[in-house]
């Protein structure tokens, strides 16, 4: 059972982040699945603070990369330079060689720089010149983008969007939570005093434990049916890839585990489908003109596919 350890991590993060239990749990699911998160939200909602709180709670190395139009791929992955004193080339690692990487405002960088993360996110390695280096475990990229600002931004290519396990939004706090934020930060930043509650070995052990969560054949087929329905839907030009199917499958295992179950239920699939699949489909122009979004399509599909029931 990983629930007690996850509960400690969740409580520790909540020392800094007020409310947002669902967002915290989704981030923990991403960590357990060794996936990555795309956060699309307005500035000031706590995206950076959340990333730092996760890194400190897990005792992981953390780097923040501010993506700008003049950022180069070498600024992300690192460079090889000639050391005149030693008379040989040395490698200076970039910020991506960390366990938790915050790619802030990722859509402000050029496509060339954005693509420098592709190898790291999928193969968990970086190649500079002819040398390939494995990234540390656990490895998590939390990328942010601003949905209300289009000037000076570059849309993320579909190949990169598909590498994000989930797309989530933090959203504004409730009235009670916003009051609690003011009280909590009145005399200082609680992040400064936050201490780790687990370590790398424990995280890796939990990741391996999650993969053992049982998924019945009918529930597994339910995942496949939802993914395949996105490829056949009349409003969709490009449906969910097999990578997306695996993402939904593994996130359901993680959700069951953090909720104290050793098996996945159909409700896990229905709950996670919007977070895992919405950003992976491309709707056709007619659908957009009718005002229907990717989220609407996924909701329709989930409501349409028959839910497996236990045979008596």
C-alpha atoms as a PDB file:
ATOM      1  CA  UNK A   1       0.000   0.000   0.000  1.00  0.00           C
ATOM      2  CA  UNK A   2       1.348   3.411  -0.979  1.00  0.00           C
ATOM      3  CA  UNK A   3      -1.561   5.415   0.441  1.00  0.00           C
ATOM      4  CA  UNK A   4       0.130   6.324   3.791  1.00  0.00           C
ATOM      5  CA  UNK A   5       3.264   7.649   2.062  1.00  0.00           C
ATOM      6  CA  UNK A   6       1.257   9.598  -0.498  1.00  0.00           C
ATOM      7  CA  UNK A   7      -0.877  11.053   2.290  1.00  0.00           C
ATOM      8  CA  UNK A   8       2.268  12.409   3.971  1.00  0.00           C
ATOM      9  CA  UNK A   9       3.409  14.032   0.726  1.00  0.00           C
ATOM     10  CA  UNK A  10      -0.050  15.498   0.117  1.00  0.00           C
ATOM     11  CA  UNK A  11      -0.241  16.953   3.634  1.00  0.00           C
ATOM     12  CA  UNK A  12       3.228  18.431   3.286  1.00  0.00           C
ATOM     13  CA  UNK A  13       2.379  20.175   0.010  1.00  0.00           C
ATOM     14  CA  UNK A  14      -0.815  21.508   1.589  1.00  0.00           C
ATOM     15  CA  UNK A  15       1.315  23.349   4.124  1.00  0.00           C
ATOM     16  CA  UNK A  16       2.030  25.722   1.247  1.00  0.00           C
ATOM     17  CA  UNK A  17      -0.789  25.226  -1.258  1.00  0.00           C
ATOM     18  CA  UNK A  18      -4.201  26.123   0.136  1.00  0.00           C
ATOM     19  CA  UNK A  19      -7.052  23.964  -1.152  1.00  0.00           C
ATOM     20  CA  UNK A  20      -6.564  22.496  -4.638  1.00  0.00           C
ATOM     21  CA  UNK A  21      -6.642  18.901  -3.377  1.00  0.00           C
ATOM     22  CA  UNK A  22      -7.589  17.649  -6.833  1.00  0.00           C
ATOM     23  CA  UNK A  23      -4.669  19.435  -8.526  1.00  0.00           C
ATOM     24  CA  UNK A  24      -2.223  18.098  -5.932  1.00  0.00           C
ATOM     25  CA  UNK A  25      -3.496  14.544  -6.399  1.00  0.00           C
ATOM     26  CA  UNK A  26      -3.201  14.841 -10.189  1.00  0.00           C
ATOM     27  CA  UNK A  27       0.419  15.952  -9.791  1.00  0.00           C
ATOM     28  CA  UNK A  28       1.100  12.999  -7.488  1.00  0.00           C
ATOM     29  CA  UNK A  29      -0.460  10.671 -10.061  1.00  0.00           C
ATOM     30  CA  UNK A  30       1.895  12.096 -12.708  1.00  0.00           C
ATOM     31  CA  UNK A  31       4.887  11.434 -10.455  1.00  0.00           C
ATOM     32  CA  UNK A  32       3.790   7.864  -9.775  1.00  0.00           C
ATOM     33  CA  UNK A  33       3.356   7.289 -13.521  1.00  0.00           C
ATOM     34  CA  UNK A  34       6.655   8.996 -14.407  1.00  0.00           C
ATOM     35  CA  UNK A  35       4.683  11.382 -16.597  1.00  0.00           C
ATOM     36  CA  UNK A  36       4.692  15.127 -17.258  1.00  0.00           C
ATOM     37  CA  UNK A  37       2.168  17.906 -16.667  1.00  0.00           C
ATOM     38  CA  UNK A  38       1.036  20.823 -18.810  1.00  0.00           C
ATOM     39  CA  UNK A  39      -0.564  23.577 -16.732  1.00  0.00           C
ATOM     40  CA  UNK A  40      -2.542  26.182 -18.649  1.00  0.00           C
ATOM     41  CA  UNK A  41      -3.663  28.981 -16.392  1.00  0.00           C
ATOM     42  CA  UNK A  42      -3.478  32.711 -15.826  1.00  0.00           C
ATOM     43  CA  UNK A  43      -0.452  34.176 -13.995  1.00  0.00           C
ATOM     44  CA  UNK A  44      -0.397  34.234 -10.223  1.00  0.00           C
ATOM     45  CA  UNK A  45      -2.420  31.106  -9.474  1.00  0.00           C
ATOM     46  CA  UNK A  46       0.493  29.293  -7.809  1.00  0.00           C
ATOM     47  CA  UNK A  47       1.960  27.131 -10.563  1.00  0.00           C
ATOM     48  CA  UNK A  48       5.602  27.853  -9.644  1.00  0.00           C
ATOM     49  CA  UNK A  49       4.899  27.554  -5.920  1.00  0.00           C
ATOM     50  CA  UNK A  50       3.242  24.177  -6.457  1.00  0.00           C
ATOM     51  CA  UNK A  51       6.218  22.871  -8.449  1.00  0.00           C
ATOM     52  CA  UNK A  52       8.667  23.996  -5.751  1.00  0.00           C
ATOM     53  CA  UNK A  53       6.536  22.497  -2.976  1.00  0.00           C
ATOM     54  CA  UNK A  54       6.464  19.141  -4.783  1.00  0.00           C
ATOM     55  CA  UNK A  55      10.240  19.167  -5.286  1.00  0.00           C
ATOM     56  CA  UNK A  56      10.956  19.978  -1.643  1.00  0.00           C
ATOM     57  CA  UNK A  57       8.455  17.449  -0.307  1.00  0.00           C
ATOM     58  CA  UNK A  58      10.059  14.693  -2.406  1.00  0.00           C
ATOM     59  CA  UNK A  59      13.632  15.858  -1.701  1.00  0.00           C
ATOM     60  CA  UNK A  60      14.241  16.194  -5.450  1.00  0.00           C
ATOM     61  CA  UNK A  61      16.541  18.526  -7.333  1.00  0.00           C
ATOM     62  CA  UNK A  62      14.645  21.400  -8.950  1.00  0.00           C
ATOM     63  CA  UNK A  63      15.341  23.823 -11.787  1.00  0.00           C
ATOM     64  CA  UNK A  64      13.143  26.486 -13.320  1.00  0.00           C
ATOM     65  CA  UNK A  65      13.621  27.395 -16.979  1.00  0.00           C
ATOM     66  CA  UNK A  66      12.124  30.696 -18.088  1.00  0.00           C
ATOM     67  CA  UNK A  67      11.232  30.119 -21.728  1.00  0.00           C
ATOM     68  CA  UNK A  68      11.742  33.216 -23.893  1.00  0.00           C
ATOM     69  CA  UNK A  69      11.998  33.742 -27.676  1.00  0.00           C
ATOM     70  CA  UNK A  70      15.806  34.007 -27.483  1.00  0.00           C
ATOM     71  CA  UNK A  71      16.272  30.818 -25.431  1.00  0.00           C
ATOM     72  CA  UNK A  72      18.464  28.271 -27.246  1.00  0.00           C
ATOM     73  CA  UNK A  73      18.294  24.453 -27.060  1.00  0.00           C
ATOM     74  CA  UNK A  74      21.771  24.447 -25.488  1.00  0.00           C
ATOM     75  CA  UNK A  75      20.400  26.642 -22.679  1.00  0.00           C
ATOM     76  CA  UNK A  76      18.109  23.725 -21.810  1.00  0.00           C
ATOM     77  CA  UNK A  77      20.252  20.635 -22.408  1.00  0.00           C
ATOM     78  CA  UNK A  78      23.745  22.031 -21.673  1.00  0.00           C
ATOM     79  CA  UNK A  79      26.856  22.627 -23.757  1.00  0.00           C
ATOM     80  CA  UNK A  80      30.318  21.197 -24.349  1.00  0.00           C
ATOM     81  CA  UNK A  81      33.011  23.836 -24.018  1.00  0.00           C
ATOM     82  CA  UNK A  82      36.774  23.826 -24.316  1.00  0.00           C
ATOM     83  CA  UNK A  83      38.516  24.216 -20.974  1.00  0.00           C
ATOM     84  CA  UNK A  84      41.726  26.065 -21.825  1.00  0.00           C
ATOM     85  CA  UNK A  85      43.239  25.273 -18.450  1.00  0.00           C
ATOM     86  CA  UNK A  86      42.725  21.526 -18.787  1.00  0.00           C
ATOM     87  CA  UNK A  87      43.106  21.605 -22.600  1.00  0.00           C
ATOM     88  CA  UNK A  88      40.066  19.391 -23.135  1.00  0.00           C
ATOM     89  CA  UNK A  89      36.324  19.623 -23.728  1.00  0.00           C
ATOM     90  CA  UNK A  90      34.006  19.555 -20.736  1.00  0.00           C
ATOM     91  CA  UNK A  91      30.259  19.244 -20.513  1.00  0.00           C
ATOM     92  CA  UNK A  92      28.300  21.851 -18.599  1.00  0.00           C
ATOM     93  CA  UNK A  93      24.885  20.322 -17.797  1.00  0.00           C
ATOM     94  CA  UNK A  94      21.753  22.336 -18.483  1.00  0.00           C
ATOM     95  CA  UNK A  95      18.792  22.742 -16.131  1.00  0.00           C
ATOM     96  CA  UNK A  96      16.925  19.822 -17.728  1.00  0.00           C
ATOM     97  CA  UNK A  97      19.302  17.433 -15.937  1.00  0.00           C
ATOM     98  CA  UNK A  98      17.255  17.754 -12.767  1.00  0.00           C
ATOM     99  CA  UNK A  99      14.589  15.584 -11.212  1.00  0.00           C
ATOM    100  CA  UNK A 100      11.817  18.182 -11.372  1.00  0.00           C
ATOM    101  CA  UNK A 101      11.949  20.815 -14.128  1.00  0.00           C
ATOM    102  CA  UNK A 102       9.591  23.773 -14.333  1.00  0.00           C
ATOM    103  CA  UNK A 103       9.337  24.907 -17.960  1.00  0.00           C
ATOM    104  CA  UNK A 104       7.762  28.287 -17.310  1.00  0.00           C
ATOM    105  CA  UNK A 105       5.741  29.837 -20.166  1.00  0.00           C
ATOM    106  CA  UNK A 106       6.922  27.107 -22.517  1.00  0.00           C
ATOM    107  CA  UNK A 107       4.955  28.525 -25.447  1.00  0.00           C
ATOM    108  CA  UNK A 108       7.114  31.672 -25.465  1.00  0.00           C
ATOM    109  CA  UNK A 109      10.115  29.775 -26.855  1.00  0.00           C
ATOM    110  CA  UNK A 110      10.607  28.944 -30.511  1.00  0.00           C
ATOM    111  CA  UNK A 111       9.647  25.478 -31.802  1.00  0.00           C
ATOM    112  CA  UNK A 112      13.352  24.599 -32.066  1.00  0.00           C
ATOM    113  CA  UNK A 113      13.877  25.228 -28.361  1.00  0.00           C
ATOM    114  CA  UNK A 114      10.614  23.549 -27.396  1.00  0.00           C
ATOM    115  CA  UNK A 115      11.749  20.429 -29.259  1.00  0.00           C
ATOM    116  CA  UNK A 116      14.862  20.224 -27.079  1.00  0.00           C
ATOM    117  CA  UNK A 117      12.598  18.731 -24.405  1.00  0.00           C
ATOM    118  CA  UNK A 118      11.193  15.959 -26.609  1.00  0.00           C
ATOM    119  CA  UNK A 119      13.984  13.445 -26.044  1.00  0.00           C
ATOM    120  CA  UNK A 120      14.121  14.214 -22.327  1.00  0.00           C
ATOM    121  CA  UNK A 121      10.371  13.798 -21.852  1.00  0.00           C
ATOM    122  CA  UNK A 122      10.041  10.537 -23.774  1.00  0.00           C
ATOM    123  CA  UNK A 123      13.382   8.712 -23.519  1.00  0.00           C
ATOM    124  CA  UNK A 124      14.465  10.362 -20.257  1.00  0.00           C
ATOM    125  CA  UNK A 125      17.858  11.201 -21.702  1.00  0.00           C
ATOM    126  CA  UNK A 126      19.577  14.093 -23.451  1.00  0.00           C
ATOM    127  CA  UNK A 127      22.063  13.993 -26.308  1.00  0.00           C
ATOM    128  CA  UNK A 128      24.642  16.759 -26.652  1.00  0.00           C
ATOM    129  CA  UNK A 129      27.030  16.460 -29.586  1.00  0.00           C
ATOM    130  CA  UNK A 130      27.579  12.679 -29.648  1.00  0.00           C
ATOM    131  CA  UNK A 131      27.215  12.020 -25.925  1.00  0.00           C
ATOM    132  CA  UNK A 132      23.974  10.690 -24.469  1.00  0.00           C
ATOM    133  CA  UNK A 133      23.264  11.115 -20.770  1.00  0.00           C
ATOM    134  CA  UNK A 134      20.482   9.495 -18.764  1.00  0.00           C
ATOM    135  CA  UNK A 135      18.320  11.786 -16.659  1.00  0.00           C
ATOM    136  CA  UNK A 136      17.923  11.213 -12.931  1.00  0.00           C
ATOM    137  CA  UNK A 137      14.896   9.401 -11.539  1.00  0.00           C
ATOM    138  CA  UNK A 138      12.277  10.430 -10.748  1.00  0.00           C
ATOM    139  CA  UNK A 139      12.005  12.901 -13.634  1.00  0.00           C
ATOM    140  CA  UNK A 140       9.061  15.254 -14.018  1.00  0.00           C
ATOM    141  CA  UNK A 141       8.511  18.212 -16.343  1.00  0.00           C
ATOM    142  CA  UNK A 142       5.880  20.731 -15.262  1.00  0.00           C
ATOM    143  CA  UNK A 143       5.280  23.105 -18.160  1.00  0.00           C
ATOM    144  CA  UNK A 144       3.125  26.214 -17.897  1.00  0.00           C
ATOM    145  CA  UNK A 145       1.509  28.391 -20.521  1.00  0.00           C
ATOM    146  CA  UNK A 146      -0.692  31.469 -20.366  1.00  0.00           C
ATOM    147  CA  UNK A 147      -4.035  30.984 -22.167  1.00  0.00           C
ATOM    148  CA  UNK A 148      -4.917  34.694 -22.365  1.00  0.00           C
ATOM    149  CA  UNK A 149      -1.726  35.985 -23.964  1.00  0.00           C
ATOM    150  CA  UNK A 150      -1.080  35.187 -27.630  1.00  0.00           C
ATOM    151  CA  UNK A 151       1.392  37.885 -28.690  1.00  0.00           C
ATOM    152  CA  UNK A 152       4.965  36.587 -28.766  1.00  0.00           C
ATOM    153  CA  UNK A 153       3.950  32.958 -28.239  1.00  0.00           C
ATOM    154  CA  UNK A 154       4.406  29.821 -30.349  1.00  0.00           C
ATOM    155  CA  UNK A 155       1.822  27.008 -30.255  1.00  0.00           C
ATOM    156  CA  UNK A 156       3.164  23.748 -28.899  1.00  0.00           C
ATOM    157  CA  UNK A 157       3.580  21.128 -31.655  1.00  0.00           C
ATOM    158  CA  UNK A 158       1.251  18.141 -31.409  1.00  0.00           C
ATOM    159  CA  UNK A 159       4.208  15.782 -30.941  1.00  0.00           C
ATOM    160  CA  UNK A 160       5.168  17.629 -27.768  1.00  0.00           C
ATOM    161  CA  UNK A 161       1.636  18.023 -26.429  1.00  0.00           C
ATOM    162  CA  UNK A 162       1.177  14.259 -26.739  1.00  0.00           C
ATOM    163  CA  UNK A 163       4.157  13.718 -24.448  1.00  0.00           C
ATOM    164  CA  UNK A 164       2.377  15.402 -21.542  1.00  0.00           C
ATOM    165  CA  UNK A 165       0.608  12.860 -19.390  1.00  0.00           C
ATOM    166  CA  UNK A 166      -2.053  15.348 -18.302  1.00  0.00           C
ATOM    167  CA  UNK A 167      -3.204  18.883 -18.931  1.00  0.00           C
ATOM    168  CA  UNK A 168      -4.624  20.606 -15.873  1.00  0.00           C
ATOM    169  CA  UNK A 169      -5.563  24.062 -14.624  1.00  0.00           C
ATOM    170  CA  UNK A 170      -5.174  25.289 -11.044  1.00  0.00           C
ATOM    171  CA  UNK A 171      -7.900  27.923 -11.259  1.00  0.00           C
ATOM    172  CA  UNK A 172      -8.759  30.723  -8.882  1.00  0.00           C
ATOM    173  CA  UNK A 173      -9.204  29.883  -5.177  1.00  0.00           C
ATOM    174  CA  UNK A 174     -12.559  29.981  -3.462  1.00  0.00           C
ATOM    175  CA  UNK A 175     -13.447  32.845  -1.130  1.00  0.00           C
ATOM    176  CA  UNK A 176     -12.485  30.818   1.952  1.00  0.00           C
ATOM    177  CA  UNK A 177      -9.245  29.574   0.400  1.00  0.00           C
ATOM    178  CA  UNK A 178      -8.185  33.061  -0.666  1.00  0.00           C
ATOM    179  CA  UNK A 179      -8.664  34.301   2.889  1.00  0.00           C
ATOM    180  CA  UNK A 180      -6.630  31.334   4.133  1.00  0.00           C
ATOM    181  CA  UNK A 181      -3.851  32.202   1.660  1.00  0.00           C
ATOM    182  CA  UNK A 182      -3.600  35.726   3.068  1.00  0.00           C
ATOM    183  CA  UNK A 183      -3.353  34.390   6.615  1.00  0.00           C
ATOM    184  CA  UNK A 184      -0.795  31.718   5.736  1.00  0.00           C
ATOM    185  CA  UNK A 185       1.491  34.108   3.880  1.00  0.00           C
ATOM    186  CA  UNK A 186       0.983  37.030   6.242  1.00  0.00           C
ATOM    187  CA  UNK A 187       4.260  36.659   8.133  1.00  0.00           C
ATOM    188  CA  UNK A 188       6.384  34.865   5.540  1.00  0.00           C
ATOM    189  CA  UNK A 189       6.529  32.215   2.860  1.00  0.00           C
ATOM    190  CA  UNK A 190       5.813  28.735   4.308  1.00  0.00           C
ATOM    191  CA  UNK A 191       7.768  27.275   1.378  1.00  0.00           C
ATOM    192  CA  UNK A 192      11.002  28.447   3.017  1.00  0.00           C
ATOM    193  CA  UNK A 193      10.465  26.114   5.973  1.00  0.00           C
ATOM    194  CA  UNK A 194       9.126  23.130   4.043  1.00  0.00           C
ATOM    195  CA  UNK A 195      11.024  19.900   4.713  1.00  0.00           C
ATOM    196  CA  UNK A 196      11.147  16.633   2.709  1.00  0.00           C
ATOM    197  CA  UNK A 197       8.896  13.786   3.829  1.00  0.00           C
ATOM    198  CA  UNK A 198      10.191  11.095   1.453  1.00  0.00           C
ATOM    199  CA  UNK A 199      13.131  10.413  -0.859  1.00  0.00           C
ATOM    200  CA  UNK A 200      14.143   9.125  -4.259  1.00  0.00           C
ATOM    201  CA  UNK A 201      14.255   5.432  -3.292  1.00  0.00           C
ATOM    202  CA  UNK A 202      10.778   5.578  -1.784  1.00  0.00           C
ATOM    203  CA  UNK A 203       9.361   7.341  -4.853  1.00  0.00           C
ATOM    204  CA  UNK A 204      10.823   4.761  -7.243  1.00  0.00           C
ATOM    205  CA  UNK A 205       9.482   1.951  -5.054  1.00  0.00           C
ATOM    206  CA  UNK A 206       6.006   3.506  -5.137  1.00  0.00           C
ATOM    207  CA  UNK A 207       6.200   3.869  -8.931  1.00  0.00           C
ATOM    208  CA  UNK A 208       6.939   0.169  -9.241  1.00  0.00           C
ATOM    209  CA  UNK A 209       4.184  -0.701  -6.764  1.00  0.00           C
ATOM    210  CA  UNK A 210       1.600   1.264  -8.757  1.00  0.00           C
ATOM    211  CA  UNK A 211       2.222  -0.889 -11.857  1.00  0.00           C
ATOM    212  CA  UNK A 212       1.019  -3.895  -9.843  1.00  0.00           C
ATOM    213  CA  UNK A 213      -2.471  -2.420  -9.355  1.00  0.00           C
ATOM    214  CA  UNK A 214      -4.949  -4.902 -10.823  1.00  0.00           C
ATOM    215  CA  UNK A 215      -6.972  -3.982 -13.912  1.00  0.00           C
ATOM    216  CA  UNK A 216      -9.699  -6.415 -14.921  1.00  0.00           C
ATOM    217  CA  UNK A 217     -10.033  -7.293 -18.605  1.00  0.00           C
ATOM    218  CA  UNK A 218     -13.391  -5.499 -18.897  1.00  0.00           C
ATOM    219  CA  UNK A 219     -11.969  -2.284 -17.437  1.00  0.00           C
ATOM    220  CA  UNK A 220      -8.914  -2.518 -19.670  1.00  0.00           C
ATOM    221  CA  UNK A 221     -11.204  -2.895 -22.681  1.00  0.00           C
ATOM    222  CA  UNK A 222     -13.173   0.131 -21.436  1.00  0.00           C
ATOM    223  CA  UNK A 223      -9.977   2.201 -21.645  1.00  0.00           C
ATOM    224  CA  UNK A 224      -9.324   0.926 -25.168  1.00  0.00           C
ATOM    225  CA  UNK A 225     -12.919   1.608 -26.259  1.00  0.00           C
ATOM    226  CA  UNK A 226     -12.720   5.239 -25.134  1.00  0.00           C
ATOM    227  CA  UNK A 227      -9.404   5.786 -26.895  1.00  0.00           C
ATOM    228  CA  UNK A 228     -10.597   4.174 -30.122  1.00  0.00           C
ATOM    229  CA  UNK A 229     -13.822   6.175 -30.057  1.00  0.00           C
ATOM    230  CA  UNK A 230     -11.802   9.390 -30.313  1.00  0.00           C
ATOM    231  CA  UNK A 231     -10.361   8.189 -33.630  1.00  0.00           C
ATOM    232  CA  UNK A 232     -13.796   7.438 -35.072  1.00  0.00           C
ATOM    233  CA  UNK A 233     -15.713  10.464 -33.776  1.00  0.00           C
ATOM    234  CA  UNK A 234     -17.146  12.716 -36.484  1.00  0.00           C
ATOM    235  CA  UNK A 235     -15.881  15.882 -34.774  1.00  0.00           C
ATOM    236  CA  UNK A 236     -12.275  14.696 -34.508  1.00  0.00           C
ATOM    237  CA  UNK A 237      -9.543  14.925 -37.140  1.00  0.00           C
ATOM    238  CA  UNK A 238      -6.806  13.276 -35.074  1.00  0.00           C
ATOM    239  CA  UNK A 239      -7.684  10.941 -32.229  1.00  0.00           C
ATOM    240  CA  UNK A 240      -5.792   9.633 -29.229  1.00  0.00           C
ATOM    241  CA  UNK A 241      -2.556   7.782 -29.962  1.00  0.00           C
ATOM    242  CA  UNK A 242      -1.576   4.477 -28.316  1.00  0.00           C
ATOM    243  CA  UNK A 243       0.636   6.583 -26.036  1.00  0.00           C
ATOM    244  CA  UNK A 244      -2.544   8.262 -24.830  1.00  0.00           C
ATOM    245  CA  UNK A 245      -4.214   4.904 -24.254  1.00  0.00           C
ATOM    246  CA  UNK A 246      -1.290   3.783 -22.097  1.00  0.00           C
ATOM    247  CA  UNK A 247      -1.357   7.113 -20.257  1.00  0.00           C
ATOM    248  CA  UNK A 248      -5.013   6.653 -19.305  1.00  0.00           C
ATOM    249  CA  UNK A 249      -4.363   3.057 -18.262  1.00  0.00           C
ATOM    250  CA  UNK A 250      -1.417   3.878 -15.994  1.00  0.00           C
ATOM    251  CA  UNK A 251      -2.987   6.986 -14.448  1.00  0.00           C
ATOM    252  CA  UNK A 252      -6.007   4.886 -13.488  1.00  0.00           C
ATOM    253  CA  UNK A 253      -3.668   2.460 -11.719  1.00  0.00           C
ATOM    254  CA  UNK A 254      -2.083   5.364  -9.828  1.00  0.00           C
ATOM    255  CA  UNK A 255      -5.442   6.893  -8.891  1.00  0.00           C
ATOM    256  CA  UNK A 256      -6.639   3.588  -7.483  1.00  0.00           C
ATOM    257  CA  UNK A 257      -3.413   3.219  -5.507  1.00  0.00           C
ATOM    258  CA  UNK A 258      -3.537   6.676  -3.888  1.00  0.00           C
ATOM    259  CA  UNK A 259      -7.158   6.026  -2.950  1.00  0.00           C
ATOM    260  CA  UNK A 260      -6.165   2.867  -1.129  1.00  0.00           C
ATOM    261  CA  UNK A 261      -7.418   0.320  -3.659  1.00  0.00           C
ATOM    262  CA  UNK A 262      -5.520  -2.541  -5.291  1.00  0.00           C
ATOM    263  CA  UNK A 263      -7.774  -2.545  -8.330  1.00  0.00           C
ATOM    264  CA  UNK A 264      -9.084  -0.066 -10.915  1.00  0.00           C
ATOM    265  CA  UNK A 265     -12.793   0.672 -11.279  1.00  0.00           C
ATOM    266  CA  UNK A 266     -14.612   2.260 -14.259  1.00  0.00           C
ATOM    267  CA  UNK A 267     -15.133   5.480 -12.285  1.00  0.00           C
ATOM    268  CA  UNK A 268     -11.346   5.948 -12.251  1.00  0.00           C
ATOM    269  CA  UNK A 269     -11.356   5.879 -16.051  1.00  0.00           C
ATOM    270  CA  UNK A 270     -14.284   8.299 -16.326  1.00  0.00           C
ATOM    271  CA  UNK A 271     -12.691  10.720 -13.870  1.00  0.00           C
ATOM    272  CA  UNK A 272      -9.243  10.821 -15.499  1.00  0.00           C
ATOM    273  CA  UNK A 273     -10.242  10.742 -19.177  1.00  0.00           C
ATOM    274  CA  UNK A 274     -10.723  14.541 -19.486  1.00  0.00           C
ATOM    275  CA  UNK A 275      -7.322  15.283 -17.920  1.00  0.00           C
ATOM    276  CA  UNK A 276      -5.436  12.665 -19.942  1.00  0.00           C
ATOM    277  CA  UNK A 277      -7.147  12.723 -23.333  1.00  0.00           C
ATOM    278  CA  UNK A 278      -8.510  16.221 -23.995  1.00  0.00           C
ATOM    279  CA  UNK A 279      -5.220  17.778 -25.104  1.00  0.00           C
ATOM    280  CA  UNK A 280      -4.386  14.790 -27.324  1.00  0.00           C
ATOM    281  CA  UNK A 281      -7.190  15.165 -29.868  1.00  0.00           C
ATOM    282  CA  UNK A 282      -7.575  17.666 -32.708  1.00  0.00           C
ATOM    283  CA  UNK A 283     -11.130  18.644 -33.566  1.00  0.00           C
ATOM    284  CA  UNK A 284     -12.073  19.655 -37.097  1.00  0.00           C
ATOM    285  CA  UNK A 285     -12.766  23.283 -38.113  1.00  0.00           C
ATOM    286  CA  UNK A 286     -16.547  22.785 -38.350  1.00  0.00           C
ATOM    287  CA  UNK A 287     -16.626  21.614 -34.754  1.00  0.00           C
ATOM    288  CA  UNK A 288     -14.721  24.694 -33.593  1.00  0.00           C
ATOM    289  CA  UNK A 289     -17.094  26.953 -35.518  1.00  0.00           C
ATOM    290  CA  UNK A 290     -20.011  25.378 -33.658  1.00  0.00           C
ATOM    291  CA  UNK A 291     -18.311  26.345 -30.411  1.00  0.00           C
ATOM    292  CA  UNK A 292     -17.569  22.781 -29.347  1.00  0.00           C
ATOM    293  CA  UNK A 293     -14.271  22.140 -27.630  1.00  0.00           C
ATOM    294  CA  UNK A 294     -12.008  19.142 -27.195  1.00  0.00           C
ATOM    295  CA  UNK A 295     -13.359  18.757 -23.658  1.00  0.00           C
ATOM    296  CA  UNK A 296     -16.925  18.580 -24.995  1.00  0.00           C
ATOM    297  CA  UNK A 297     -15.959  15.771 -27.368  1.00  0.00           C
ATOM    298  CA  UNK A 298     -14.266  13.726 -24.626  1.00  0.00           C
ATOM    299  CA  UNK A 299     -17.290  14.215 -22.368  1.00  0.00           C
ATOM    300  CA  UNK A 300     -19.603  12.978 -25.129  1.00  0.00           C
ATOM    301  CA  UNK A 301     -17.451   9.912 -25.719  1.00  0.00           C
ATOM    302  CA  UNK A 302     -17.241   9.001 -22.030  1.00  0.00           C
ATOM    303  CA  UNK A 303     -21.021   9.415 -21.696  1.00  0.00           C
ATOM    304  CA  UNK A 304     -21.626   7.259 -24.778  1.00  0.00           C
ATOM    305  CA  UNK A 305     -19.321   4.270 -24.208  1.00  0.00           C
ATOM    306  CA  UNK A 306     -20.942   1.489 -22.215  1.00  0.00           C
ATOM    307  CA  UNK A 307     -19.530   1.129 -18.715  1.00  0.00           C
ATOM    308  CA  UNK A 308     -18.482  -2.413 -17.764  1.00  0.00           C
ATOM    309  CA  UNK A 309     -20.473  -3.956 -14.941  1.00  0.00           C
ATOM    310  CA  UNK A 310     -19.618  -6.811 -12.633  1.00  0.00           C
ATOM    311  CA  UNK A 311     -21.163 -10.077 -13.740  1.00  0.00           C
ATOM    312  CA  UNK A 312     -23.208 -11.953 -11.167  1.00  0.00           C
END
